[in-house]
């Protein structure tokens, strides 16, 4: 028996999340396969070599194995999928404009790297990818394979930041950026989905599950565990600058950097400490040692813990309507009541 199919049979009945119940019946074809062309051989330039990037432009930034790369959302809105290698690891950078979801995954599955393309379909207003090796269909927001030989497998998510080019460059000055100048396309000057983001429209199809706890297009950071999901409203992070919670039993911290409009999540455990944090004048400090931390890299800028690093945690970015449609039982994080 084909080892891929054998593995698929072993995991097909494993319930990995509420979203795993979605399947081909929920998929809606919108375009022909590969009508939106994924990038297979992306070209990068050093910051000094690009003249078309502005400091405010949004990028998905990834650092892996000591290598940092930035992927402008203006490019991703055209291609949606970039197959790449970072720090020696095959990865796929994905952007689903209808759901405003940014996700980065390892491409290696069952000891072989897969190459992803756009299926031309959506699943509850989220991009459906397919891999060219097995033609399995994958949910971009959750990383779940829901139809095909690899159904039941989940791609491993990787930490990434949806941030500004200026903010990413300050945090990772040696970063490369996906090149606009070396592309055959000529319409990367602005995000062609901008009008949709500002409208009241919620995708192509009405959500199957509507949830009024948040505004439909509230941007959230979402984490889905084995049996639960949590949504962290970006508006709350913008207000508080720092949030503490537990993810899969471990203490974590969210930082919101006002200057670059960036939210990031890290494990709060480092060395012998489980740290708690506060923000003052745009800087982030821990109560235990007074060390000052970068909200984008999780590294110590100065203080007793200099040289230490918080471990970033993968998190989904999404419009609320799409997240709630995939995870109807999701918890919405709210500040603890003060008695």
Protein backbone atom coordinates (compact mmCIF):
# COMPACT_ATOMS: atom_id res chain seq x y z
CA UNK A 1 0.00 0.00 0.00
CA UNK A 2 1.16 3.54 -0.74
CA UNK A 3 2.79 4.76 2.53
CA UNK A 4 1.02 8.11 2.20
CA UNK A 5 -2.39 6.41 2.07
CA UNK A 6 -1.41 4.07 4.90
CA UNK A 7 -0.47 7.01 7.11
CA UNK A 8 -3.67 8.80 6.12
CA UNK A 9 -5.77 5.84 7.24
CA UNK A 10 -4.06 5.80 10.63
CA UNK A 11 -4.86 9.44 11.32
CA UNK A 12 -8.10 10.04 9.44
CA UNK A 13 -10.31 9.40 12.48
CA UNK A 14 -8.24 11.48 14.88
CA UNK A 15 -10.22 14.53 15.91
CA UNK A 16 -7.73 17.36 15.78
CA UNK A 17 -10.10 20.30 16.11
CA UNK A 18 -13.63 21.44 15.44
CA UNK A 19 -12.43 22.64 12.05
CA UNK A 20 -11.52 19.07 11.10
CA UNK A 21 -15.25 18.38 10.67
CA UNK A 22 -15.31 20.67 7.62
CA UNK A 23 -14.89 18.83 4.36
CA UNK A 24 -15.42 18.83 0.64
CA UNK A 25 -19.14 19.51 1.06
CA UNK A 26 -18.28 22.93 2.53
CA UNK A 27 -15.92 23.80 -0.34
CA UNK A 28 -17.10 26.27 -2.99
CA UNK A 29 -15.32 26.55 -6.36
CA UNK A 30 -14.71 30.14 -7.39
CA UNK A 31 -11.94 29.98 -10.00
CA UNK A 32 -10.12 27.31 -12.02
CA UNK A 33 -7.21 25.60 -10.28
CA UNK A 34 -4.03 27.74 -10.35
CA UNK A 35 -5.91 30.74 -11.76
CA UNK A 36 -4.20 32.56 -8.90
CA UNK A 37 -0.59 31.57 -9.44
CA UNK A 38 1.48 30.61 -6.42
CA UNK A 39 5.12 31.68 -6.43
CA UNK A 40 7.45 28.71 -6.87
CA UNK A 41 10.83 30.39 -7.23
CA UNK A 42 10.54 33.64 -5.27
CA UNK A 43 13.23 36.26 -5.82
CA UNK A 44 14.55 38.31 -2.91
CA UNK A 45 16.59 41.46 -2.54
CA UNK A 46 18.37 43.17 0.32
CA UNK A 47 16.61 46.20 1.86
CA UNK A 48 18.95 48.64 0.13
CA UNK A 49 18.09 47.13 -3.25
CA UNK A 50 14.34 47.79 -3.12
CA UNK A 51 12.90 51.17 -4.02
CA UNK A 52 9.22 50.25 -3.99
CA UNK A 53 8.74 49.43 -0.30
CA UNK A 54 7.40 52.01 2.15
CA UNK A 55 8.01 51.76 5.88
CA UNK A 56 4.24 51.50 6.55
CA UNK A 57 3.66 48.68 4.06
CA UNK A 58 2.42 45.46 5.64
CA UNK A 59 4.53 42.33 5.38
CA UNK A 60 4.47 38.81 6.76
CA UNK A 61 7.84 38.36 8.41
CA UNK A 62 9.45 35.00 9.16
CA UNK A 63 12.71 34.18 10.93
CA UNK A 64 13.89 30.58 10.90
CA UNK A 65 17.29 29.03 11.39
CA UNK A 66 18.96 32.43 11.62
CA UNK A 67 17.52 33.64 8.30
CA UNK A 68 14.87 36.38 8.10
CA UNK A 69 12.57 37.12 5.15
CA UNK A 70 9.70 39.53 4.56
CA UNK A 71 6.76 38.93 2.21
CA UNK A 72 4.78 42.08 1.27
CA UNK A 73 1.03 41.64 1.60
CA UNK A 74 0.65 43.58 -1.67
CA UNK A 75 2.38 40.67 -3.41
CA UNK A 76 0.60 38.01 -1.39
CA UNK A 77 -2.81 39.47 -2.32
CA UNK A 78 -1.94 38.69 -5.94
CA UNK A 79 -0.41 35.22 -5.44
CA UNK A 80 -1.73 34.09 -2.01
CA UNK A 81 0.88 31.29 -1.73
CA UNK A 82 4.70 31.37 -1.76
CA UNK A 83 6.66 28.11 -1.68
CA UNK A 84 10.06 28.91 -0.23
CA UNK A 85 12.99 27.72 1.88
CA UNK A 86 14.06 29.62 5.02
CA UNK A 87 17.02 28.58 7.12
CA UNK A 88 17.17 25.33 5.15
CA UNK A 89 13.52 24.49 5.93
CA UNK A 90 10.90 24.13 3.16
CA UNK A 91 8.04 26.45 4.12
CA UNK A 92 4.87 27.84 2.58
CA UNK A 93 3.77 31.42 3.25
CA UNK A 94 0.03 31.84 2.78
CA UNK A 95 -2.41 34.75 2.71
CA UNK A 96 -6.19 34.41 2.36
CA UNK A 97 -7.54 37.88 1.49
CA UNK A 98 -11.23 37.10 2.10
CA UNK A 99 -10.54 36.00 5.67
CA UNK A 100 -7.51 38.28 6.23
CA UNK A 101 -5.62 35.25 7.46
CA UNK A 102 -1.83 34.98 7.45
CA UNK A 103 -0.31 31.56 8.09
CA UNK A 104 3.13 30.03 7.60
CA UNK A 105 3.68 26.25 7.62
CA UNK A 106 6.45 23.71 7.17
CA UNK A 107 6.06 22.06 3.77
CA UNK A 108 7.65 18.77 4.74
CA UNK A 109 5.01 16.06 5.27
CA UNK A 110 5.79 12.35 5.63
CA UNK A 111 9.51 13.08 5.06
CA UNK A 112 8.96 14.83 1.73
CA UNK A 113 8.47 18.52 0.88
CA UNK A 114 5.16 19.37 -0.75
CA UNK A 115 4.55 22.18 -3.22
CA UNK A 116 1.30 24.09 -2.76
CA UNK A 117 -0.97 25.87 -5.20
CA UNK A 118 -4.34 27.57 -5.18
CA UNK A 119 -7.25 25.18 -5.74
CA UNK A 120 -9.57 27.94 -6.93
CA UNK A 121 -11.95 27.08 -4.08
CA UNK A 122 -12.79 28.51 -0.68
CA UNK A 123 -13.87 26.78 2.51
CA UNK A 124 -16.10 29.07 4.57
CA UNK A 125 -14.38 32.05 2.93
CA UNK A 126 -10.88 30.70 3.59
CA UNK A 127 -8.40 29.81 0.85
CA UNK A 128 -8.26 26.12 -0.06
CA UNK A 129 -4.77 25.00 -1.09
CA UNK A 130 -3.81 21.77 -2.79
CA UNK A 131 -0.45 20.03 -2.95
CA UNK A 132 0.89 18.99 -6.34
CA UNK A 133 2.37 15.71 -5.10
CA UNK A 134 -0.87 14.07 -3.85
CA UNK A 135 -3.61 16.57 -4.83
CA UNK A 136 -4.84 16.69 -1.25
CA UNK A 137 -6.93 19.73 -0.29
CA UNK A 138 -5.75 21.85 2.66
CA UNK A 139 -7.46 24.50 4.77
CA UNK A 140 -5.23 27.60 4.77
CA UNK A 141 -6.42 28.89 8.15
CA UNK A 142 -6.05 25.66 10.12
CA UNK A 143 -3.48 23.70 8.09
CA UNK A 144 -5.81 20.68 8.03
CA UNK A 145 -5.92 18.29 5.07
CA UNK A 146 -9.61 17.55 4.62
CA UNK A 147 -9.90 15.68 1.31
CA UNK A 148 -7.45 13.45 -0.55
CA UNK A 149 -4.71 10.93 0.31
CA UNK A 150 -3.34 13.00 3.21
CA UNK A 151 -6.73 13.79 4.78
CA UNK A 152 -6.46 13.96 8.57
CA UNK A 153 -2.92 15.38 8.62
CA UNK A 154 -2.23 18.89 9.84
CA UNK A 155 0.62 21.07 8.61
CA UNK A 156 2.96 22.33 11.31
CA UNK A 157 2.47 26.08 11.80
CA UNK A 158 5.47 28.35 12.24
CA UNK A 159 5.74 31.67 14.06
CA UNK A 160 5.37 34.73 11.85
CA UNK A 161 4.51 38.40 12.22
CA UNK A 162 2.03 40.52 10.32
CA UNK A 163 3.82 43.82 10.73
CA UNK A 164 5.10 46.89 8.93
CA UNK A 165 8.15 46.79 6.70
CA UNK A 166 9.76 49.46 8.86
CA UNK A 167 9.09 47.54 12.06
CA UNK A 168 10.35 44.26 10.62
CA UNK A 169 13.50 45.92 9.29
CA UNK A 170 14.30 47.48 12.68
CA UNK A 171 13.91 44.08 14.33
CA UNK A 172 15.73 42.13 11.60
CA UNK A 173 18.02 44.53 9.71
CA UNK A 174 19.64 41.67 7.74
CA UNK A 175 16.27 40.50 6.41
CA UNK A 176 15.68 39.96 2.72
CA UNK A 177 12.39 41.03 1.13
CA UNK A 178 10.39 39.39 -1.64
CA UNK A 179 11.21 41.48 -4.69
CA UNK A 180 8.69 43.57 -6.57
CA UNK A 181 11.26 44.84 -9.05
CA UNK A 182 12.25 41.38 -10.33
CA UNK A 183 8.70 40.16 -10.89
CA UNK A 184 6.97 39.91 -14.28
CA UNK A 185 3.88 41.41 -12.64
CA UNK A 186 3.48 45.16 -12.36
CA UNK A 187 0.63 45.74 -9.91
CA UNK A 188 2.17 45.45 -6.49
CA UNK A 189 2.00 49.16 -5.63
CA UNK A 190 -1.07 48.71 -3.42
CA UNK A 191 -3.19 45.94 -1.97
CA UNK A 192 -5.97 45.42 -4.51
CA UNK A 193 -8.20 44.03 -1.71
CA UNK A 194 -8.10 47.27 0.29
CA UNK A 195 -11.67 48.29 -0.59
CA UNK A 196 -12.94 44.90 0.55
CA UNK A 197 -11.14 45.19 3.88
CA UNK A 198 -12.87 48.53 4.51
CA UNK A 199 -16.33 47.35 3.40
CA UNK A 200 -19.08 45.54 5.28
CA UNK A 201 -18.80 42.49 3.02
CA UNK A 202 -17.92 39.21 4.74
CA UNK A 203 -16.46 37.02 2.03
CA UNK A 204 -18.17 35.50 -1.00
CA UNK A 205 -20.59 33.28 0.92
CA UNK A 206 -22.47 34.24 4.08
CA UNK A 207 -20.93 32.59 7.16
CA UNK A 208 -22.63 29.36 8.15
CA UNK A 209 -22.20 30.30 11.79
CA UNK A 210 -22.63 33.96 12.69
CA UNK A 211 -21.35 35.19 16.03
CA UNK A 212 -22.07 38.71 17.27
CA UNK A 213 -19.67 38.69 20.19
CA UNK A 214 -17.29 40.75 18.05
CA UNK A 215 -17.70 42.86 14.92
CA UNK A 216 -17.55 40.64 11.83
CA UNK A 217 -14.31 42.20 10.59
CA UNK A 218 -12.60 42.60 13.93
CA UNK A 219 -9.08 41.29 13.42
CA UNK A 220 -8.23 38.60 15.94
CA UNK A 221 -5.25 36.45 16.82
CA UNK A 222 -6.47 32.88 17.11
CA UNK A 223 -5.06 29.78 18.76
CA UNK A 224 -6.72 26.39 18.36
CA UNK A 225 -5.75 23.66 20.80
CA UNK A 226 -6.76 20.03 20.59
CA UNK A 227 -10.16 20.64 22.15
CA UNK A 228 -10.59 24.40 22.33
CA UNK A 229 -9.95 27.62 20.48
CA UNK A 230 -9.34 31.14 21.74
CA UNK A 231 -9.67 34.47 19.90
CA UNK A 232 -7.74 37.53 21.09
CA UNK A 233 -9.23 40.76 19.67
CA UNK A 234 -6.60 43.04 18.20
CA UNK A 235 -8.54 46.04 19.54
CA UNK A 236 -8.05 44.74 23.09
CA UNK A 237 -4.33 44.18 22.53
CA UNK A 238 -4.06 47.69 21.11
CA UNK A 239 -5.67 49.02 24.26
CA UNK A 240 -3.71 47.05 26.86
CA UNK A 241 -0.38 46.58 25.04
CA UNK A 242 0.31 43.44 27.16
CA UNK A 243 -1.88 40.40 27.82
CA UNK A 244 -1.08 37.26 29.81
CA UNK A 245 -2.80 33.91 29.32
CA UNK A 246 -2.15 30.17 29.15
CA UNK A 247 -1.74 28.27 25.86
CA UNK A 248 -1.85 24.48 26.06
CA UNK A 249 -1.02 24.66 29.75
CA UNK A 250 1.91 27.06 29.43
CA UNK A 251 2.11 30.74 30.40
CA UNK A 252 2.30 33.11 27.45
CA UNK A 253 2.41 36.84 26.83
CA UNK A 254 1.08 39.02 24.01
CA UNK A 255 2.84 42.26 23.13
CA UNK A 256 1.36 45.02 20.98
CA UNK A 257 3.88 47.39 19.42
CA UNK A 258 2.10 50.64 18.60
CA UNK A 259 4.72 52.04 16.23
CA UNK A 260 4.53 49.11 13.81
CA UNK A 261 0.94 48.07 14.70
CA UNK A 262 2.17 44.57 15.46
CA UNK A 263 0.88 41.91 17.83
CA UNK A 264 3.12 39.00 18.80
CA UNK A 265 2.87 36.10 21.25
CA UNK A 266 5.66 34.39 23.16
CA UNK A 267 6.09 31.80 25.89
CA UNK A 268 6.56 33.62 29.19
CA UNK A 269 9.00 30.99 30.51
CA UNK A 270 12.71 31.68 30.20
CA UNK A 271 15.62 30.37 32.25
CA UNK A 272 14.28 29.69 35.76
CA UNK A 273 11.57 32.33 35.46
CA UNK A 274 7.95 32.50 34.43
CA UNK A 275 7.83 36.18 33.64
CA UNK A 276 5.09 38.78 33.77
CA UNK A 277 5.38 42.01 31.82
CA UNK A 278 4.28 45.61 31.62
CA UNK A 279 4.55 48.37 29.04
CA UNK A 280 5.86 51.88 29.67
CA UNK A 281 6.30 54.54 26.99
CA UNK A 282 6.37 51.95 24.23
CA UNK A 283 8.94 49.73 25.96
CA UNK A 284 8.28 46.31 27.48
CA UNK A 285 9.73 45.17 30.82
CA UNK A 286 9.40 42.13 33.04
CA UNK A 287 8.50 42.59 36.71
CA UNK A 288 10.88 39.90 37.91
CA UNK A 289 14.21 41.33 36.67
CA UNK A 290 13.43 44.68 35.04
CA UNK A 291 14.88 43.51 31.72
CA UNK A 292 13.66 45.33 28.60
CA UNK A 293 12.32 43.12 25.79
CA UNK A 294 11.76 43.54 22.07
CA UNK A 295 8.04 43.05 21.29
CA UNK A 296 8.86 41.72 17.81
CA UNK A 297 11.84 39.43 18.35
CA UNK A 298 11.28 38.43 21.99
CA UNK A 299 14.93 39.17 22.72
CA UNK A 300 16.33 41.24 25.61
CA UNK A 301 17.38 44.75 24.61
CA UNK A 302 19.07 45.48 27.94
CA UNK A 303 18.93 44.34 31.55
CA UNK A 304 19.90 41.34 33.71
CA UNK A 305 18.54 38.77 31.23
CA UNK A 306 20.42 40.11 28.21
CA UNK A 307 21.15 37.24 25.83
CA UNK A 308 17.91 35.44 26.71
CA UNK A 309 15.14 34.89 24.20
CA UNK A 310 11.40 34.31 24.55
CA UNK A 311 10.12 31.48 22.38
CA UNK A 312 7.60 32.71 19.76
CA UNK A 313 4.30 30.84 19.50
CA UNK A 314 2.53 30.28 16.16
CA UNK A 315 -0.77 32.14 15.99
CA UNK A 316 -3.39 32.70 13.29
CA UNK A 317 -4.45 36.14 12.12
CA UNK A 318 -8.03 36.34 10.86
CA UNK A 319 -11.20 38.34 10.56
CA UNK A 320 -13.56 37.33 13.36
CA UNK A 321 -16.33 36.13 11.02
CA UNK A 322 -14.03 33.54 9.43
CA UNK A 323 -12.52 32.36 12.71
CA UNK A 324 -15.94 31.96 14.35
CA UNK A 325 -17.23 30.11 11.28
CA UNK A 326 -14.42 27.56 11.67
CA UNK A 327 -14.47 27.40 15.47
CA UNK A 328 -18.05 28.03 16.65
CA UNK A 329 -17.17 27.14 20.25
CA UNK A 330 -14.21 29.52 20.40
CA UNK A 331 -13.59 31.46 23.58
CA UNK A 332 -13.11 35.21 23.22
CA UNK A 333 -10.44 36.48 25.57
CA UNK A 334 -11.59 39.24 27.90
CA UNK A 335 -9.85 41.01 30.74
CA UNK A 336 -10.35 39.46 34.18
CA UNK A 337 -12.94 41.24 36.29
CA UNK A 338 -11.55 43.46 39.05
CA UNK A 339 -13.47 43.18 42.32
